[in-house]
C-alpha atoms as a PDB file:
ATOM      1  CA  UNK A   1     113.301  23.907 -15.399  1.00  0.00           C
ATOM      2  CA  UNK A   2     111.618  20.491 -15.380  1.00  0.00           C
ATOM      3  CA  UNK A   3     112.222  19.172 -11.848  1.00  0.00           C
ATOM      4  CA  UNK A   4     110.025  16.072 -11.919  1.00  0.00           C
ATOM      5  CA  UNK A   5     108.126  14.033 -14.471  1.00  0.00           C
ATOM      6  CA  UNK A   6     105.233  11.617 -14.000  1.00  0.00           C
ATOM      7  CA  UNK A   7     104.274   9.184 -16.719  1.00  0.00           C
ATOM      8  CA  UNK A   8     103.884   5.612 -17.884  1.00  0.00           C
ATOM      9  CA  UNK A   9     106.750   3.565 -19.285  1.00  0.00           C
ATOM     10  CA  UNK A  10     106.514   3.437 -23.071  1.00  0.00           C
ATOM     11  CA  UNK A  11     109.800   1.628 -23.676  1.00  0.00           C
ATOM     12  CA  UNK A  12     113.565   1.907 -23.267  1.00  0.00           C
ATOM     13  CA  UNK A  13     116.230   3.524 -25.440  1.00  0.00           C
ATOM     14  CA  UNK A  14     120.005   3.124 -25.471  1.00  0.00           C
ATOM     15  CA  UNK A  15     120.187   6.348 -23.441  1.00  0.00           C
ATOM     16  CA  UNK A  16     117.403   5.698 -20.959  1.00  0.00           C
ATOM     17  CA  UNK A  17     113.634   5.385 -20.841  1.00  0.00           C
ATOM     18  CA  UNK A  18     110.603   6.613 -22.787  1.00  0.00           C
ATOM     19  CA  UNK A  19     107.831   8.064 -20.627  1.00  0.00           C
ATOM     20  CA  UNK A  20     104.352   8.761 -21.969  1.00  0.00           C
ATOM     21  CA  UNK A  21     102.797  11.871 -20.466  1.00  0.00           C
ATOM     22  CA  UNK A  22      99.365  12.515 -21.924  1.00  0.00           C
ATOM     23  CA  UNK A  23      99.733  12.495 -25.693  1.00  0.00           C
ATOM     24  CA  UNK A  24     103.519  13.034 -25.626  1.00  0.00           C
ATOM     25  CA  UNK A  25     106.408  10.608 -25.148  1.00  0.00           C
ATOM     26  CA  UNK A  26     109.582  11.960 -23.534  1.00  0.00           C
ATOM     27  CA  UNK A  27     113.003  10.337 -23.624  1.00  0.00           C
ATOM     28  CA  UNK A  28     114.643  10.608 -20.199  1.00  0.00           C
ATOM     29  CA  UNK A  29     118.345   9.766 -20.032  1.00  0.00           C
ATOM     30  CA  UNK A  30     119.462   7.502 -17.185  1.00  0.00           C
ATOM     31  CA  UNK A  31     122.710   6.328 -15.696  1.00  0.00           C
ATOM     32  CA  UNK A  32     123.424   2.647 -16.289  1.00  0.00           C
ATOM     33  CA  UNK A  33     122.644   1.890 -12.653  1.00  0.00           C
ATOM     34  CA  UNK A  34     119.304   3.743 -12.776  1.00  0.00           C
ATOM     35  CA  UNK A  35     118.377   1.946 -16.004  1.00  0.00           C
ATOM     36  CA  UNK A  36     119.074  -1.468 -14.477  1.00  0.00           C
ATOM     37  CA  UNK A  37     116.824  -0.584 -11.553  1.00  0.00           C
ATOM     38  CA  UNK A  38     113.948   0.352 -13.873  1.00  0.00           C
ATOM     39  CA  UNK A  39     114.226  -2.055 -16.796  1.00  0.00           C
ATOM     40  CA  UNK A  40     112.328  -4.833 -15.002  1.00  0.00           C
ATOM     41  CA  UNK A  41     109.267  -2.550 -14.782  1.00  0.00           C
ATOM     42  CA  UNK A  42     106.545  -3.518 -17.290  1.00  0.00           C
ATOM     43  CA  UNK A  43     105.461  -1.298 -20.169  1.00  0.00           C
ATOM     44  CA  UNK A  44     102.554   0.827 -18.984  1.00  0.00           C
ATOM     45  CA  UNK A  45     103.813   1.038 -15.391  1.00  0.00           C
ATOM     46  CA  UNK A  46     103.394   4.517 -13.920  1.00  0.00           C
ATOM     47  CA  UNK A  47     106.535   6.037 -12.391  1.00  0.00           C
ATOM     48  CA  UNK A  48     107.952   9.421 -11.473  1.00  0.00           C
ATOM     49  CA  UNK A  49     111.519  10.648 -11.869  1.00  0.00           C
ATOM     50  CA  UNK A  50     113.361  13.627 -10.422  1.00  0.00           C
ATOM     51  CA  UNK A  51     114.950  15.380 -13.366  1.00  0.00           C
ATOM     52  CA  UNK A  52     117.598  17.799 -14.538  1.00  0.00           C
ATOM     53  CA  UNK A  53     117.281  19.583 -17.858  1.00  0.00           C
ATOM     54  CA  UNK A  54     120.257  20.457 -20.049  1.00  0.00           C
ATOM     55  CA  UNK A  55     120.726  21.753 -23.572  1.00  0.00           C
ATOM     56  CA  UNK A  56     122.734  19.592 -25.941  1.00  0.00           C
ATOM     57  CA  UNK A  57     124.024  20.394 -29.405  1.00  0.00           C
ATOM     58  CA  UNK A  58     126.846  19.802 -31.842  1.00  0.00           C
ATOM     59  CA  UNK A  59     130.327  21.244 -31.485  1.00  0.00           C
ATOM     60  CA  UNK A  60     129.350  24.018 -33.916  1.00  0.00           C
ATOM     61  CA  UNK A  61     126.743  25.195 -31.426  1.00  0.00           C
ATOM     62  CA  UNK A  62     123.763  24.557 -33.695  1.00  0.00           C
ATOM     63  CA  UNK A  63     120.715  22.315 -33.379  1.00  0.00           C
ATOM     64  CA  UNK A  64     120.438  22.579 -29.623  1.00  0.00           C
ATOM     65  CA  UNK A  65     117.774  20.430 -28.016  1.00  0.00           C
ATOM     66  CA  UNK A  66     116.701  19.812 -24.414  1.00  0.00           C
ATOM     67  CA  UNK A  67     118.095  16.769 -22.634  1.00  0.00           C
ATOM     68  CA  UNK A  68     116.282  15.328 -19.624  1.00  0.00           C
ATOM     69  CA  UNK A  69     118.212  13.260 -17.096  1.00  0.00           C
ATOM     70  CA  UNK A  70     116.180  11.293 -14.556  1.00  0.00           C
ATOM     71  CA  UNK A  71     116.752   9.840 -11.097  1.00  0.00           C
ATOM     72  CA  UNK A  72     114.587   7.805  -8.786  1.00  0.00           C
ATOM     73  CA  UNK A  73     115.217  10.077  -5.806  1.00  0.00           C
ATOM     74  CA  UNK A  74     116.314  13.694  -5.345  1.00  0.00           C
ATOM     75  CA  UNK A  75     119.506  12.740  -3.489  1.00  0.00           C
ATOM     76  CA  UNK A  76     120.828  10.992  -6.596  1.00  0.00           C
ATOM     77  CA  UNK A  77     120.040  14.095  -8.613  1.00  0.00           C
ATOM     78  CA  UNK A  78     121.980  16.260  -6.144  1.00  0.00           C
ATOM     79  CA  UNK A  79     125.000  13.944  -6.346  1.00  0.00           C
ATOM     80  CA  UNK A  80     124.933  14.107 -10.153  1.00  0.00           C
ATOM     81  CA  UNK A  81     124.963  17.902 -10.018  1.00  0.00           C
ATOM     82  CA  UNK A  82     128.081  17.795  -7.840  1.00  0.00           C
ATOM     83  CA  UNK A  83     129.789  15.254 -10.104  1.00  0.00           C
ATOM     84  CA  UNK A  84     129.394  17.312 -13.276  1.00  0.00           C
ATOM     85  CA  UNK A  85     131.062  20.282 -11.528  1.00  0.00           C
ATOM     86  CA  UNK A  86     134.316  18.313 -11.428  1.00  0.00           C
ATOM     87  CA  UNK A  87     136.623  19.684 -14.102  1.00  0.00           C
ATOM     88  CA  UNK A  88     136.561  17.530 -17.243  1.00  0.00           C
ATOM     89  CA  UNK A  89     133.335  15.670 -16.397  1.00  0.00           C
ATOM     90  CA  UNK A  90     130.287  16.661 -18.414  1.00  0.00           C
ATOM     91  CA  UNK A  91     126.723  15.385 -18.463  1.00  0.00           C
ATOM     92  CA  UNK A  92     127.425  12.726 -21.090  1.00  0.00           C
ATOM     93  CA  UNK A  93     130.551  11.373 -19.422  1.00  0.00           C
ATOM     94  CA  UNK A  94     128.857  11.353 -16.001  1.00  0.00           C
ATOM     95  CA  UNK A  95     125.940   9.318 -17.384  1.00  0.00           C
ATOM     96  CA  UNK A  96     128.331   6.754 -18.855  1.00  0.00           C
ATOM     97  CA  UNK A  97     130.512   6.735 -15.764  1.00  0.00           C
ATOM     98  CA  UNK A  98     127.817   5.844 -13.235  1.00  0.00           C
ATOM     99  CA  UNK A  99     127.649   2.113 -13.873  1.00  0.00           C
ATOM    100  CA  UNK A 100     127.460   1.495 -10.107  1.00  0.00           C
ATOM    101  CA  UNK A 101     124.723   2.823  -7.816  1.00  0.00           C
ATOM    102  CA  UNK A 102     125.349   6.382  -6.659  1.00  0.00           C
ATOM    103  CA  UNK A 103     125.492   5.492  -2.925  1.00  0.00           C
ATOM    104  CA  UNK A 104     128.397   3.118  -3.627  1.00  0.00           C
ATOM    105  CA  UNK A 105     130.198   5.703  -5.755  1.00  0.00           C
ATOM    106  CA  UNK A 106     129.763   8.357  -3.069  1.00  0.00           C
ATOM    107  CA  UNK A 107     131.137   6.021  -0.395  1.00  0.00           C
ATOM    108  CA  UNK A 108     134.142   5.207  -2.565  1.00  0.00           C
ATOM    109  CA  UNK A 109     134.856   8.931  -2.935  1.00  0.00           C
ATOM    110  CA  UNK A 110     134.638   9.484   0.829  1.00  0.00           C
ATOM    111  CA  UNK A 111     137.004   6.572   1.496  1.00  0.00           C
ATOM    112  CA  UNK A 112     139.430   7.495  -1.308  1.00  0.00           C
ATOM    113  CA  UNK A 113     138.712   4.019  -2.731  1.00  0.00           C
ATOM    114  CA  UNK A 114     140.447   4.431  -6.090  1.00  0.00           C
ATOM    115  CA  UNK A 115     140.236   0.705  -6.815  1.00  0.00           C
ATOM    116  CA  UNK A 116     136.446   0.885  -6.833  1.00  0.00           C
ATOM    117  CA  UNK A 117     136.271   4.181  -8.728  1.00  0.00           C
ATOM    118  CA  UNK A 118     138.505   2.750 -11.457  1.00  0.00           C
ATOM    119  CA  UNK A 119     135.930   0.022 -12.112  1.00  0.00           C
ATOM    120  CA  UNK A 120     133.520   2.697 -13.388  1.00  0.00           C
ATOM    121  CA  UNK A 121     133.284   3.146 -17.138  1.00  0.00           C
ATOM    122  CA  UNK A 122     135.911   5.489 -18.647  1.00  0.00           C
ATOM    123  CA  UNK A 123     137.447   6.198 -15.227  1.00  0.00           C
ATOM    124  CA  UNK A 124     141.197   5.754 -14.925  1.00  0.00           C
ATOM    125  CA  UNK A 125     143.379   6.567 -11.952  1.00  0.00           C
ATOM    126  CA  UNK A 126     143.871  10.220 -12.934  1.00  0.00           C
ATOM    127  CA  UNK A 127     140.145  10.824 -13.202  1.00  0.00           C
ATOM    128  CA  UNK A 128     139.494   8.928  -9.968  1.00  0.00           C
ATOM    129  CA  UNK A 129     142.001  11.072  -8.080  1.00  0.00           C
ATOM    130  CA  UNK A 130     140.527  14.249  -9.533  1.00  0.00           C
ATOM    131  CA  UNK A 131     137.028  13.206  -8.412  1.00  0.00           C
ATOM    132  CA  UNK A 132     138.275  12.477  -4.887  1.00  0.00           C
ATOM    133  CA  UNK A 133     140.170  15.780  -4.688  1.00  0.00           C
ATOM    134  CA  UNK A 134     137.067  17.717  -5.782  1.00  0.00           C
ATOM    135  CA  UNK A 135     134.281  15.896  -3.906  1.00  0.00           C
ATOM    136  CA  UNK A 136     135.724  14.267  -0.824  1.00  0.00           C
ATOM    137  CA  UNK A 137     133.927  15.637   2.226  1.00  0.00           C
ATOM    138  CA  UNK A 138     130.902  16.736   0.201  1.00  0.00           C
ATOM    139  CA  UNK A 139     129.115  13.468  -0.643  1.00  0.00           C
ATOM    140  CA  UNK A 140     128.963  11.591   2.662  1.00  0.00           C
ATOM    141  CA  UNK A 141     125.201  12.085   2.909  1.00  0.00           C
ATOM    142  CA  UNK A 142     124.736  10.173  -0.351  1.00  0.00           C
ATOM    143  CA  UNK A 143     126.996   7.261   0.608  1.00  0.00           C
ATOM    144  CA  UNK A 144     126.711   3.672   1.725  1.00  0.00           C
ATOM    145  CA  UNK A 145     129.531   1.240   2.552  1.00  0.00           C
ATOM    146  CA  UNK A 146     131.391  -0.404  -0.343  1.00  0.00           C
ATOM    147  CA  UNK A 147     132.202  -4.058   0.341  1.00  0.00           C
ATOM    148  CA  UNK A 148     135.365  -5.800  -0.797  1.00  0.00           C
ATOM    149  CA  UNK A 149     133.375  -7.828  -3.336  1.00  0.00           C
ATOM    150  CA  UNK A 150     132.510  -4.578  -5.110  1.00  0.00           C
ATOM    151  CA  UNK A 151     136.151  -3.538  -5.466  1.00  0.00           C
ATOM    152  CA  UNK A 152     137.078  -5.187  -8.752  1.00  0.00           C
ATOM    153  CA  UNK A 153     139.654  -3.198 -10.802  1.00  0.00           C
ATOM    154  CA  UNK A 154     139.173  -3.023 -14.540  1.00  0.00           C
ATOM    155  CA  UNK A 155     141.366  -5.380 -16.531  1.00  0.00           C
ATOM    156  CA  UNK A 156     144.710  -3.870 -17.485  1.00  0.00           C
ATOM    157  CA  UNK A 157     144.489  -1.021 -14.961  1.00  0.00           C
ATOM    158  CA  UNK A 158     145.951  -0.615 -11.521  1.00  0.00           C
ATOM    159  CA  UNK A 159     144.976   1.765  -8.803  1.00  0.00           C
ATOM    160  CA  UNK A 160     146.311   2.815  -5.446  1.00  0.00           C
ATOM    161  CA  UNK A 161     144.096   2.653  -2.437  1.00  0.00           C
ATOM    162  CA  UNK A 162     144.399   4.433   0.890  1.00  0.00           C
ATOM    163  CA  UNK A 163     142.495   6.902   2.997  1.00  0.00           C
ATOM    164  CA  UNK A 164     142.890  10.640   2.568  1.00  0.00           C
ATOM    165  CA  UNK A 165     141.758  12.660   5.559  1.00  0.00           C
ATOM    166  CA  UNK A 166     141.121  16.351   5.207  1.00  0.00           C
ATOM    167  CA  UNK A 167     141.570  18.887   7.954  1.00  0.00           C
ATOM    168  CA  UNK A 168     138.429  19.699   9.917  1.00  0.00           C
ATOM    169  CA  UNK A 169     135.223  17.957  10.875  1.00  0.00           C
ATOM    170  CA  UNK A 170     134.562  14.736   8.963  1.00  0.00           C
ATOM    171  CA  UNK A 171     131.054  15.931   8.201  1.00  0.00           C
ATOM    172  CA  UNK A 172     132.250  19.160   6.622  1.00  0.00           C
ATOM    173  CA  UNK A 173     134.482  19.980   3.650  1.00  0.00           C
ATOM    174  CA  UNK A 174     137.914  21.160   4.726  1.00  0.00           C
ATOM    175  CA  UNK A 175     137.477  24.614   3.243  1.00  0.00           C
ATOM    176  CA  UNK A 176     134.347  25.178   5.307  1.00  0.00           C
ATOM    177  CA  UNK A 177     136.166  24.500   8.588  1.00  0.00           C
ATOM    178  CA  UNK A 178     138.330  27.608   8.252  1.00  0.00           C
ATOM    179  CA  UNK A 179     137.655  30.439  10.670  1.00  0.00           C
ATOM    180  CA  UNK A 180     140.363  33.047  10.037  1.00  0.00           C
ATOM    181  CA  UNK A 181     140.608  36.427  11.696  1.00  0.00           C
ATOM    182  CA  UNK A 182     142.149  38.203   8.680  1.00  0.00           C
ATOM    183  CA  UNK A 183     142.345  37.825   4.878  1.00  0.00           C
ATOM    184  CA  UNK A 184     146.014  36.876   5.180  1.00  0.00           C
ATOM    185  CA  UNK A 185     145.215  34.110   7.653  1.00  0.00           C
ATOM    186  CA  UNK A 186     142.481  32.813   5.349  1.00  0.00           C
ATOM    187  CA  UNK A 187     144.912  32.483   2.457  1.00  0.00           C
ATOM    188  CA  UNK A 188     147.498  30.805   4.685  1.00  0.00           C
ATOM    189  CA  UNK A 189     145.010  28.262   5.997  1.00  0.00           C
ATOM    190  CA  UNK A 190     143.663  27.541   2.520  1.00  0.00           C
ATOM    191  CA  UNK A 191     147.220  27.081   1.289  1.00  0.00           C
ATOM    192  CA  UNK A 192     147.971  24.690   4.160  1.00  0.00           C
ATOM    193  CA  UNK A 193     144.897  22.548   3.479  1.00  0.00           C
ATOM    194  CA  UNK A 194     145.592  22.454  -0.259  1.00  0.00           C
ATOM    195  CA  UNK A 195     149.158  21.361   0.507  1.00  0.00           C
ATOM    196  CA  UNK A 196     147.826  18.491   2.611  1.00  0.00           C
ATOM    197  CA  UNK A 197     145.505  17.304  -0.159  1.00  0.00           C
ATOM    198  CA  UNK A 198     148.125  17.504  -2.913  1.00  0.00           C
ATOM    199  CA  UNK A 199     150.757  15.676  -0.850  1.00  0.00           C
ATOM    200  CA  UNK A 200     148.307  12.896  -0.076  1.00  0.00           C
ATOM    201  CA  UNK A 201     147.597  12.641  -3.806  1.00  0.00           C
ATOM    202  CA  UNK A 202     151.255  11.812  -4.355  1.00  0.00           C
ATOM    203  CA  UNK A 203     153.007  15.125  -5.009  1.00  0.00           C
ATOM    204  CA  UNK A 204     156.322  15.955  -3.337  1.00  0.00           C
ATOM    205  CA  UNK A 205     156.637  18.948  -1.062  1.00  0.00           C
ATOM    206  CA  UNK A 206     158.726  20.796  -3.665  1.00  0.00           C
ATOM    207  CA  UNK A 207     156.143  20.122  -6.404  1.00  0.00           C
ATOM    208  CA  UNK A 208     153.354  21.391  -4.186  1.00  0.00           C
ATOM    209  CA  UNK A 209     155.254  24.555  -3.241  1.00  0.00           C
ATOM    210  CA  UNK A 210     155.966  25.304  -6.909  1.00  0.00           C
ATOM    211  CA  UNK A 211     152.324  24.873  -7.949  1.00  0.00           C
ATOM    212  CA  UNK A 212     151.001  26.951  -5.057  1.00  0.00           C
ATOM    213  CA  UNK A 213     153.548  29.715  -5.568  1.00  0.00           C
ATOM    214  CA  UNK A 214     152.409  30.007  -9.193  1.00  0.00           C
ATOM    215  CA  UNK A 215     148.750  30.454  -8.312  1.00  0.00           C
ATOM    216  CA  UNK A 216     149.306  32.716  -5.298  1.00  0.00           C
ATOM    217  CA  UNK A 217     151.515  35.026  -7.376  1.00  0.00           C
ATOM    218  CA  UNK A 218     148.416  35.892  -9.417  1.00  0.00           C
ATOM    219  CA  UNK A 219     145.686  35.764  -6.765  1.00  0.00           C
ATOM    220  CA  UNK A 220     145.318  36.289  -3.059  1.00  0.00           C
ATOM    221  CA  UNK A 221     141.534  36.293  -2.743  1.00  0.00           C
ATOM    222  CA  UNK A 222     140.693  32.588  -2.622  1.00  0.00           C
ATOM    223  CA  UNK A 223     137.769  31.553  -0.438  1.00  0.00           C
ATOM    224  CA  UNK A 224     137.801  27.753  -0.880  1.00  0.00           C
ATOM    225  CA  UNK A 225     140.342  24.982  -1.444  1.00  0.00           C
ATOM    226  CA  UNK A 226     138.431  23.975  -4.571  1.00  0.00           C
ATOM    227  CA  UNK A 227     139.179  27.358  -6.160  1.00  0.00           C
ATOM    228  CA  UNK A 228     142.913  26.830  -5.651  1.00  0.00           C
ATOM    229  CA  UNK A 229     142.799  23.321  -7.128  1.00  0.00           C
ATOM    230  CA  UNK A 230     140.851  24.577 -10.143  1.00  0.00           C
ATOM    231  CA  UNK A 231     143.412  27.340 -10.698  1.00  0.00           C
ATOM    232  CA  UNK A 232     146.220  24.783 -10.564  1.00  0.00           C
ATOM    233  CA  UNK A 233     144.392  22.582 -13.103  1.00  0.00           C
ATOM    234  CA  UNK A 234     144.196  25.499 -15.502  1.00  0.00           C
ATOM    235  CA  UNK A 235     147.872  26.355 -15.161  1.00  0.00           C
ATOM    236  CA  UNK A 236     149.198  22.841 -15.699  1.00  0.00           C
ATOM    237  CA  UNK A 237     149.976  21.643 -19.232  1.00  0.00           C
ATOM    238  CA  UNK A 238     148.591  18.274 -18.155  1.00  0.00           C
ATOM    239  CA  UNK A 239     146.126  17.403 -15.376  1.00  0.00           C
ATOM    240  CA  UNK A 240     147.323  17.799 -11.823  1.00  0.00           C
ATOM    241  CA  UNK A 241     146.140  14.298 -10.987  1.00  0.00           C
ATOM    242  CA  UNK A 242     148.991  11.831 -11.388  1.00  0.00           C
END
């Protein structure tokens, strides 16, 4: 895995930046926010980027080639890794999505600021709610406050805004705050916390009970709230996020 790259700026592409390392020039993909931060650097400037390496290819599975994604600090790289674990968000969509700096996006997730999240490229209310449900409580260390001037909804879209508080310490994901004394108690506490999240996302108590009954009929060995939400996503004909 290529974790970091040092080189001189050789130019910019529509996907990111060209870095010259010795006799080779590498294309490193950037988020829109990272690109804006670097594009004022002159050609020939020496920089280093923290990187992730992926394999990309066509839908047929052929012609795979390595794809480097770069970040100016390792915390931004860590946030990106969390973001692409959200169901339905891949590397390409995450790169396009991050038109705002990562600290602002992380803060919006922690505050359930759907208005701000919906200003990101290709993010509607359903996707915003899914991101919050999956990452809230996990990205506080990457966050900075989002001011009202940043909260501009995209034209033609509306979004709800309001805080969602999860059970447990504010520094820790809800699932990690569970300390059961038996497997049955673990499942009951996980079920309770998932109920709280789903109801705050707009589902009625009867809808939540139906969805949870369906997943718990098949499994009783969950260890995290995220596992339950993922199982619900798979069982629904359409996304769980309203």
